[in-house]
Amino acid sequence: LAAGLMALGTASPALADVKAGVDAWERGDFAGWFETDFKEELVLKSWGGKWASCRRYYASLQFCRPEAFLANAREIVLKNQPLPGRSESRMGMTYAGLKVPKVYCWGSESLAEGTLDFLEAASLHHKKFEPAFHWPMIDRAEEFYSFLSHFLRSAQDSPGKALK
């Protein structure tokens, strides 16, 4: 079904942590940062103590190639920089410009400063899941999938209309 799009933002407090990984790479210490500071301390001990989604993320990171994570981190940091003379990022403007029904879904504990202002200024539909971290489809699974089902049905029935 190509009628709808769910977007889970990379624009979250985790963006600062991803930037820390890029900074560690620039200092020549990415491997140490990735294994200890990021995976063990931040994801498992800090986030994982509260959120099931983060414990699952930690488990998935055991299979992650650090160089692939770094390449993704560098791209995320680059595309989330403000455009020249503007407060919006390339990633935000790309999302806003998609010509499909869309809704930005976010967890109440994982939204970067300025994201909500951007969504509202651009008149983009969004849905907050509370309490939830970066992966509301795990932390608020029943509510998330019920909303997703409704959104996709609405998008399919009226592809030209925004979900209200």
N, C-alpha and C. Protein backbone atom coordinates (compact mmCIF):
# COMPACT_ATOMS: atom_id res chain seq x y z
N LEU A 1 0.85 -1.18 0.00
CA LEU A 1 0.00 0.00 0.00
C LEU A 1 0.89 1.23 0.00
N ALA A 2 0.81 2.01 -1.04
CA ALA A 2 1.64 3.21 -1.16
C ALA A 2 0.87 4.47 -0.81
N ALA A 3 -0.30 4.32 -0.19
CA ALA A 3 -1.14 5.48 0.08
C ALA A 3 -0.69 6.26 1.30
N GLY A 4 0.04 5.68 2.20
CA GLY A 4 0.38 6.38 3.43
C GLY A 4 1.84 6.23 3.80
N LEU A 5 2.29 7.13 4.65
CA LEU A 5 3.68 7.11 5.10
C LEU A 5 3.70 7.41 6.58
N MET A 6 4.36 6.60 7.33
CA MET A 6 4.58 6.88 8.74
C MET A 6 6.04 7.27 8.87
N ALA A 7 6.30 8.32 9.55
CA ALA A 7 7.68 8.77 9.74
C ALA A 7 8.01 8.77 11.21
N LEU A 8 9.09 8.15 11.53
CA LEU A 8 9.60 8.20 12.89
C LEU A 8 10.87 9.01 12.84
N GLY A 9 10.87 10.06 13.55
CA GLY A 9 11.93 11.04 13.40
C GLY A 9 13.29 10.59 13.87
N THR A 10 14.26 10.98 13.10
CA THR A 10 15.62 10.86 13.57
C THR A 10 16.00 12.12 14.34
N ALA A 11 15.08 13.06 14.34
CA ALA A 11 15.33 14.30 15.08
C ALA A 11 14.88 14.10 16.52
N SER A 12 15.72 13.56 17.33
CA SER A 12 15.38 13.27 18.71
C SER A 12 16.56 13.62 19.59
N PRO A 13 16.36 13.51 20.93
CA PRO A 13 17.52 13.73 21.78
C PRO A 13 18.70 12.83 21.40
N ALA A 14 18.40 11.69 20.80
CA ALA A 14 19.46 10.78 20.36
C ALA A 14 20.33 11.41 19.29
N LEU A 15 19.83 12.43 18.59
CA LEU A 15 20.64 13.09 17.57
C LEU A 15 21.93 13.64 18.17
N ALA A 16 21.84 14.21 19.36
CA ALA A 16 23.04 14.71 20.03
C ALA A 16 24.00 13.57 20.33
N ASP A 17 23.45 12.41 20.66
CA ASP A 17 24.30 11.25 20.94
C ASP A 17 24.94 10.72 19.67
N VAL A 18 24.21 10.75 18.57
CA VAL A 18 24.78 10.35 17.28
C VAL A 18 25.90 11.32 16.89
N LYS A 19 25.67 12.60 17.13
CA LYS A 19 26.70 13.61 16.86
C LYS A 19 27.93 13.33 17.71
N ALA A 20 27.74 12.87 18.94
CA ALA A 20 28.88 12.51 19.79
C ALA A 20 29.69 11.39 19.15
N GLY A 21 29.02 10.47 18.46
CA GLY A 21 29.73 9.41 17.75
C GLY A 21 30.56 9.94 16.61
N VAL A 22 30.02 10.89 15.87
CA VAL A 22 30.76 11.51 14.78
C VAL A 22 31.97 12.26 15.35
N ASP A 23 31.76 12.95 16.46
CA ASP A 23 32.87 13.65 17.12
C ASP A 23 33.95 12.66 17.57
N ALA A 24 33.53 11.52 18.10
CA ALA A 24 34.49 10.49 18.53
C ALA A 24 35.28 9.97 17.33
N TRP A 25 34.62 9.79 16.20
CA TRP A 25 35.30 9.35 14.98
C TRP A 25 36.35 10.38 14.57
N GLU A 26 35.99 11.66 14.65
CA GLU A 26 36.94 12.71 14.28
C GLU A 26 38.16 12.72 15.22
N ARG A 27 37.97 12.31 16.47
CA ARG A 27 39.08 12.22 17.43
C ARG A 27 39.84 10.89 17.31
N GLY A 28 39.33 9.99 16.49
CA GLY A 28 39.97 8.68 16.33
C GLY A 28 39.56 7.68 17.39
N ASP A 29 38.42 7.89 18.07
CA ASP A 29 37.99 7.01 19.14
C ASP A 29 36.57 6.50 18.94
N PHE A 30 36.18 6.26 17.69
CA PHE A 30 34.81 5.82 17.46
C PHE A 30 34.53 4.45 18.06
N ALA A 31 35.44 3.50 17.91
CA ALA A 31 35.21 2.14 18.40
C ALA A 31 34.92 2.14 19.90
N GLY A 32 35.72 2.87 20.66
CA GLY A 32 35.49 2.93 22.11
C GLY A 32 34.17 3.60 22.44
N TRP A 33 33.87 4.69 21.76
CA TRP A 33 32.60 5.38 21.99
C TRP A 33 31.43 4.45 21.67
N PHE A 34 31.49 3.79 20.52
CA PHE A 34 30.37 2.95 20.08
C PHE A 34 30.12 1.80 21.06
N GLU A 35 31.16 1.08 21.43
CA GLU A 35 31.00 -0.09 22.30
C GLU A 35 30.64 0.28 23.73
N THR A 36 31.33 1.25 24.30
CA THR A 36 31.16 1.55 25.72
C THR A 36 30.19 2.70 25.97
N ASP A 37 30.51 3.87 25.48
CA ASP A 37 29.69 5.05 25.78
C ASP A 37 28.28 4.93 25.21
N PHE A 38 28.19 4.49 23.96
CA PHE A 38 26.88 4.44 23.32
C PHE A 38 26.11 3.17 23.68
N LYS A 39 26.63 2.01 23.26
CA LYS A 39 25.88 0.77 23.45
C LYS A 39 25.65 0.43 24.93
N GLU A 40 26.71 0.37 25.69
CA GLU A 40 26.59 -0.11 27.07
C GLU A 40 26.00 0.94 28.02
N GLU A 41 26.59 2.13 28.01
CA GLU A 41 26.18 3.13 28.99
C GLU A 41 24.86 3.82 28.62
N LEU A 42 24.76 4.31 27.41
CA LEU A 42 23.58 5.07 27.03
C LEU A 42 22.39 4.18 26.70
N VAL A 43 22.55 3.31 25.70
CA VAL A 43 21.41 2.51 25.24
C VAL A 43 20.97 1.49 26.29
N LEU A 44 21.90 0.69 26.81
CA LEU A 44 21.51 -0.37 27.74
C LEU A 44 21.21 0.16 29.13
N LYS A 45 22.15 0.87 29.72
CA LYS A 45 21.98 1.26 31.12
C LYS A 45 21.05 2.46 31.30
N SER A 46 21.20 3.49 30.49
CA SER A 46 20.38 4.69 30.68
C SER A 46 18.98 4.52 30.07
N TRP A 47 18.91 4.33 28.77
CA TRP A 47 17.60 4.20 28.12
C TRP A 47 16.95 2.85 28.40
N GLY A 48 17.75 1.78 28.36
CA GLY A 48 17.21 0.43 28.51
C GLY A 48 16.60 0.15 29.86
N GLY A 49 17.02 0.90 30.87
CA GLY A 49 16.44 0.71 32.19
C GLY A 49 14.98 1.10 32.25
N LYS A 50 14.53 1.93 31.34
CA LYS A 50 13.15 2.41 31.35
C LYS A 50 12.31 1.91 30.18
N TRP A 51 12.94 1.71 29.03
CA TRP A 51 12.16 1.45 27.81
C TRP A 51 12.48 0.09 27.20
N ALA A 52 11.44 -0.73 26.99
CA ALA A 52 11.62 -2.03 26.34
C ALA A 52 12.19 -1.85 24.93
N SER A 53 11.77 -0.80 24.26
CA SER A 53 12.26 -0.56 22.90
C SER A 53 13.78 -0.39 22.88
N CYS A 54 14.31 0.20 23.91
CA CYS A 54 15.76 0.43 23.95
C CYS A 54 16.52 -0.86 24.25
N ARG A 55 15.92 -1.74 25.02
CA ARG A 55 16.56 -3.04 25.24
C ARG A 55 16.57 -3.83 23.94
N ARG A 56 15.52 -3.73 23.14
CA ARG A 56 15.50 -4.39 21.83
C ARG A 56 16.51 -3.74 20.90
N TYR A 57 16.61 -2.43 20.96
CA TYR A 57 17.60 -1.72 20.13
C TYR A 57 19.01 -2.17 20.51
N TYR A 58 19.27 -2.28 21.81
CA TYR A 58 20.57 -2.74 22.28
C TYR A 58 20.86 -4.13 21.70
N ALA A 59 19.89 -5.03 21.75
CA ALA A 59 20.08 -6.38 21.21
C ALA A 59 20.41 -6.31 19.72
N SER A 60 19.74 -5.44 18.98
CA SER A 60 20.01 -5.33 17.55
C SER A 60 21.40 -4.77 17.28
N LEU A 61 21.89 -3.92 18.17
CA LEU A 61 23.22 -3.33 17.98
C LEU A 61 24.33 -4.37 18.08
N GLN A 62 24.05 -5.52 18.65
CA GLN A 62 25.06 -6.57 18.74
C GLN A 62 25.43 -7.11 17.36
N PHE A 63 24.53 -6.91 16.40
CA PHE A 63 24.75 -7.38 15.03
C PHE A 63 25.14 -6.24 14.08
N CYS A 64 25.24 -5.05 14.62
CA CYS A 64 25.52 -3.87 13.80
C CYS A 64 27.01 -3.76 13.49
N ARG A 65 27.31 -3.51 12.24
CA ARG A 65 28.70 -3.21 11.87
C ARG A 65 28.98 -1.76 12.25
N PRO A 66 29.95 -1.50 13.11
CA PRO A 66 30.22 -0.13 13.54
C PRO A 66 30.43 0.84 12.38
N GLU A 67 31.07 0.41 11.30
CA GLU A 67 31.29 1.32 10.17
C GLU A 67 29.97 1.69 9.48
N ALA A 68 29.00 0.78 9.49
CA ALA A 68 27.68 1.10 8.92
C ALA A 68 26.95 2.09 9.82
N PHE A 69 27.05 1.88 11.12
CA PHE A 69 26.44 2.83 12.07
C PHE A 69 27.06 4.21 11.89
N LEU A 70 28.37 4.26 11.78
CA LEU A 70 29.06 5.54 11.61
C LEU A 70 28.64 6.23 10.32
N ALA A 71 28.54 5.50 9.23
CA ALA A 71 28.13 6.11 7.96
C ALA A 71 26.72 6.69 8.08
N ASN A 72 25.83 5.96 8.73
CA ASN A 72 24.47 6.45 8.94
C ASN A 72 24.48 7.68 9.86
N ALA A 73 25.26 7.61 10.93
CA ALA A 73 25.35 8.74 11.87
C ALA A 73 25.85 10.00 11.18
N ARG A 74 26.86 9.86 10.36
CA ARG A 74 27.41 11.03 9.66
C ARG A 74 26.36 11.64 8.73
N GLU A 75 25.60 10.79 8.03
CA GLU A 75 24.56 11.29 7.13
C GLU A 75 23.44 11.99 7.92
N ILE A 76 23.03 11.39 9.04
CA ILE A 76 21.98 11.99 9.86
C ILE A 76 22.41 13.36 10.36
N VAL A 77 23.63 13.45 10.87
CA VAL A 77 24.13 14.74 11.38
C VAL A 77 24.16 15.76 10.25
N LEU A 78 24.68 15.38 9.09
CA LEU A 78 24.77 16.29 7.96
C LEU A 78 23.39 16.79 7.52
N LYS A 79 22.43 15.88 7.39
CA LYS A 79 21.11 16.24 6.87
C LYS A 79 20.23 16.93 7.90
N ASN A 80 20.65 16.94 9.16
CA ASN A 80 19.89 17.63 10.20
C ASN A 80 20.46 19.00 10.54
N GLN A 81 21.46 19.45 9.80
CA GLN A 81 21.99 20.81 9.99
C GLN A 81 21.02 21.80 9.38
N PRO A 82 20.86 22.96 10.00
CA PRO A 82 19.97 23.96 9.41
C PRO A 82 20.44 24.38 8.02
N LEU A 83 19.48 24.60 7.13
CA LEU A 83 19.80 25.10 5.80
C LEU A 83 20.33 26.53 5.94
N PRO A 84 21.17 26.98 5.01
CA PRO A 84 21.73 28.33 5.10
C PRO A 84 20.64 29.40 5.23
N GLY A 85 20.75 30.20 6.28
CA GLY A 85 19.80 31.28 6.50
C GLY A 85 18.43 30.86 6.99
N ARG A 86 18.27 29.58 7.38
CA ARG A 86 16.97 29.08 7.82
C ARG A 86 17.15 28.25 9.08
N SER A 87 16.04 27.97 9.74
CA SER A 87 16.10 27.10 10.91
C SER A 87 15.79 25.65 10.54
N GLU A 88 15.21 25.43 9.36
CA GLU A 88 14.84 24.08 8.94
C GLU A 88 16.05 23.31 8.41
N SER A 89 16.00 22.00 8.56
CA SER A 89 17.07 21.14 8.03
C SER A 89 16.65 20.56 6.68
N ARG A 90 17.61 20.02 5.98
CA ARG A 90 17.32 19.36 4.70
C ARG A 90 16.40 18.17 4.93
N MET A 91 16.62 17.42 6.01
CA MET A 91 15.78 16.26 6.28
C MET A 91 14.34 16.68 6.54
N GLY A 92 14.16 17.75 7.33
CA GLY A 92 12.82 18.23 7.60
C GLY A 92 12.12 18.74 6.36
N MET A 93 12.83 19.46 5.53
CA MET A 93 12.23 19.99 4.31
C MET A 93 11.92 18.88 3.30
N THR A 94 12.76 17.87 3.26
CA THR A 94 12.48 16.72 2.39
C THR A 94 11.20 16.03 2.84
N TYR A 95 11.09 15.80 4.14
CA TYR A 95 9.88 15.18 4.68
C TYR A 95 8.64 16.03 4.37
N ALA A 96 8.73 17.33 4.64
CA ALA A 96 7.59 18.22 4.42
C ALA A 96 7.17 18.23 2.95
N GLY A 97 8.12 18.04 2.05
CA GLY A 97 7.82 18.10 0.62
C GLY A 97 7.29 16.81 0.01
N LEU A 98 7.25 15.74 0.76
CA LEU A 98 6.72 14.48 0.22
C LEU A 98 5.25 14.65 -0.16
N LYS A 99 4.91 14.23 -1.35
CA LYS A 99 3.55 14.42 -1.87
C LYS A 99 2.70 13.18 -1.65
N VAL A 100 2.74 12.67 -0.44
CA VAL A 100 1.91 11.53 -0.05
C VAL A 100 1.29 11.85 1.30
N PRO A 101 0.16 11.21 1.63
CA PRO A 101 -0.37 11.40 2.98
C PRO A 101 0.69 10.96 3.99
N LYS A 102 0.90 11.76 5.00
CA LYS A 102 1.95 11.44 5.96
C LYS A 102 1.58 11.96 7.35
N VAL A 103 2.16 11.33 8.33
CA VAL A 103 2.00 11.76 9.71
C VAL A 103 3.31 11.44 10.43
N TYR A 104 3.78 12.38 11.21
CA TYR A 104 5.04 12.23 11.95
C TYR A 104 4.67 11.70 13.33
N CYS A 105 5.09 10.48 13.63
CA CYS A 105 4.79 9.85 14.91
C CYS A 105 6.01 9.95 15.82
N TRP A 106 5.76 10.32 17.07
CA TRP A 106 6.89 10.52 17.97
C TRP A 106 6.52 10.12 19.40
N GLY A 107 7.56 9.68 20.10
CA GLY A 107 7.41 9.34 21.50
C GLY A 107 7.60 10.56 22.37
N SER A 108 6.86 10.64 23.44
CA SER A 108 6.88 11.82 24.31
C SER A 108 8.25 12.08 24.93
N GLU A 109 9.10 11.07 24.98
CA GLU A 109 10.42 11.22 25.60
C GLU A 109 11.54 11.29 24.56
N SER A 110 11.20 11.56 23.31
CA SER A 110 12.23 11.53 22.28
C SER A 110 11.90 12.48 21.13
N LEU A 111 11.95 13.74 21.40
CA LEU A 111 11.71 14.72 20.34
C LEU A 111 12.72 15.85 20.51
N ALA A 112 13.46 16.12 19.46
CA ALA A 112 14.48 17.16 19.53
C ALA A 112 13.85 18.54 19.65
N GLU A 113 14.57 19.41 20.30
CA GLU A 113 14.15 20.80 20.43
C GLU A 113 13.92 21.39 19.04
N GLY A 114 12.82 22.04 18.86
CA GLY A 114 12.51 22.68 17.59
C GLY A 114 11.69 21.83 16.64
N THR A 115 11.64 20.51 16.86
CA THR A 115 10.91 19.65 15.94
C THR A 115 9.41 19.95 15.95
N LEU A 116 8.84 20.07 17.12
CA LEU A 116 7.41 20.34 17.21
C LEU A 116 7.08 21.71 16.58
N ASP A 117 7.93 22.69 16.82
CA ASP A 117 7.73 24.00 16.20
C ASP A 117 7.75 23.89 14.68
N PHE A 118 8.70 23.11 14.15
CA PHE A 118 8.79 22.91 12.70
C PHE A 118 7.53 22.24 12.16
N LEU A 119 7.09 21.16 12.81
CA LEU A 119 5.91 20.44 12.36
C LEU A 119 4.69 21.34 12.32
N GLU A 120 4.53 22.14 13.36
CA GLU A 120 3.36 23.02 13.41
C GLU A 120 3.48 24.17 12.42
N ALA A 121 4.66 24.77 12.28
CA ALA A 121 4.86 25.87 11.33
C ALA A 121 4.63 25.39 9.90
N ALA A 122 4.99 24.15 9.60
CA ALA A 122 4.82 23.59 8.26
C ALA A 122 3.44 22.95 8.09
N SER A 123 2.59 23.04 9.12
CA SER A 123 1.24 22.44 9.09
C SER A 123 1.28 20.95 8.78
N LEU A 124 2.25 20.27 9.39
CA LEU A 124 2.38 18.82 9.19
C LEU A 124 1.65 18.08 10.30
N HIS A 125 0.86 17.10 9.89
CA HIS A 125 0.15 16.30 10.87
C HIS A 125 1.16 15.48 11.67
N HIS A 126 0.92 15.40 12.98
CA HIS A 126 1.81 14.61 13.84
C HIS A 126 1.02 13.99 14.96
N LYS A 127 1.57 12.94 15.53
CA LYS A 127 0.91 12.20 16.60
C LYS A 127 1.93 11.88 17.67
N LYS A 128 1.62 12.30 18.88
CA LYS A 128 2.47 12.03 20.05
C LYS A 128 1.96 10.77 20.74
N PHE A 129 2.88 9.89 21.11
CA PHE A 129 2.56 8.70 21.88
C PHE A 129 3.20 8.84 23.25
N GLU A 130 2.37 8.65 24.29
CA GLU A 130 2.83 8.93 25.64
C GLU A 130 2.39 7.83 26.59
N PRO A 131 3.28 7.36 27.41
CA PRO A 131 4.72 7.59 27.39
C PRO A 131 5.38 6.67 26.38
N ALA A 132 6.35 7.17 25.70
CA ALA A 132 7.10 6.38 24.72
C ALA A 132 8.43 7.06 24.44
N PHE A 133 9.39 6.24 24.00
CA PHE A 133 10.68 6.77 23.61
C PHE A 133 10.71 6.88 22.09
N HIS A 134 11.82 6.63 21.46
CA HIS A 134 12.01 6.83 20.03
C HIS A 134 11.23 5.83 19.16
N TRP A 135 10.81 4.73 19.74
CA TRP A 135 10.12 3.68 19.00
C TRP A 135 8.73 3.45 19.59
N PRO A 136 7.77 4.34 19.30
CA PRO A 136 6.43 4.17 19.88
C PRO A 136 5.73 2.90 19.41
N MET A 137 6.16 2.34 18.28
CA MET A 137 5.54 1.10 17.80
C MET A 137 5.87 -0.07 18.73
N ILE A 138 6.87 0.10 19.58
CA ILE A 138 7.19 -0.91 20.59
C ILE A 138 6.66 -0.49 21.95
N ASP A 139 6.96 0.75 22.35
CA ASP A 139 6.59 1.21 23.68
C ASP A 139 5.09 1.40 23.87
N ARG A 140 4.36 1.69 22.80
CA ARG A 140 2.90 1.90 22.84
C ARG A 140 2.28 1.12 21.68
N ALA A 141 2.63 -0.16 21.58
CA ALA A 141 2.28 -0.97 20.41
C ALA A 141 0.79 -0.96 20.08
N GLU A 142 -0.07 -1.22 21.03
CA GLU A 142 -1.50 -1.31 20.73
C GLU A 142 -2.04 0.02 20.20
N GLU A 143 -1.71 1.10 20.89
CA GLU A 143 -2.16 2.42 20.46
C GLU A 143 -1.55 2.80 19.10
N PHE A 144 -0.27 2.51 18.92
CA PHE A 144 0.42 2.85 17.67
C PHE A 144 -0.21 2.13 16.48
N TYR A 145 -0.38 0.82 16.59
CA TYR A 145 -0.89 0.05 15.45
C TYR A 145 -2.37 0.33 15.18
N SER A 146 -3.12 0.67 16.21
CA SER A 146 -4.50 1.10 16.00
C SER A 146 -4.52 2.41 15.21
N PHE A 147 -3.67 3.34 15.61
CA PHE A 147 -3.56 4.61 14.90
C PHE A 147 -3.09 4.40 13.46
N LEU A 148 -2.07 3.56 13.29
CA LEU A 148 -1.55 3.27 11.95
C LEU A 148 -2.64 2.69 11.05
N SER A 149 -3.40 1.76 11.58
CA SER A 149 -4.47 1.15 10.79
C SER A 149 -5.49 2.22 10.36
N HIS A 150 -5.88 3.07 11.29
CA HIS A 150 -6.83 4.15 10.98
C HIS A 150 -6.24 5.10 9.93
N PHE A 151 -4.98 5.47 10.11
CA PHE A 151 -4.33 6.38 9.18
C PHE A 151 -4.28 5.79 7.78
N LEU A 152 -3.87 4.54 7.67
CA LEU A 152 -3.76 3.91 6.35
C LEU A 152 -5.12 3.76 5.68
N ARG A 153 -6.15 3.40 6.47
CA ARG A 153 -7.51 3.33 5.89
C ARG A 153 -7.95 4.70 5.39
N SER A 154 -7.71 5.73 6.20
CA SER A 154 -8.09 7.10 5.82
C SER A 154 -7.33 7.54 4.57
N ALA A 155 -6.06 7.23 4.51
CA ALA A 155 -5.24 7.62 3.35
C ALA A 155 -5.70 6.89 2.09
N GLN A 156 -6.07 5.64 2.25
CA GLN A 156 -6.53 4.86 1.10
C GLN A 156 -7.89 5.35 0.61
N ASP A 157 -8.79 5.67 1.56
CA ASP A 157 -10.13 6.12 1.20
C ASP A 157 -10.15 7.51 0.60
N SER A 158 -9.26 8.38 1.09
CA SER A 158 -9.21 9.78 0.64
C SER A 158 -7.76 10.20 0.48
N PRO A 159 -7.04 9.69 -0.52
CA PRO A 159 -5.61 9.96 -0.63
C PRO A 159 -5.25 11.44 -0.76
N GLY A 160 -6.16 12.28 -1.22
CA GLY A 160 -5.86 13.69 -1.39
C GLY A 160 -6.13 14.52 -0.15
N LYS A 161 -6.78 13.93 0.85
CA LYS A 161 -7.16 14.69 2.05
C LYS A 161 -6.18 14.40 3.18
N ALA A 162 -5.88 15.42 3.93
CA ALA A 162 -5.03 15.24 5.11
C ALA A 162 -5.84 14.56 6.20
N LEU A 163 -5.20 13.74 6.99
CA LEU A 163 -5.84 13.09 8.12
C LEU A 163 -6.14 14.14 9.18
N LYS A 164 -7.33 14.18 9.67
CA LYS A 164 -7.71 15.13 10.73
C LYS A 164 -7.86 14.44 12.03
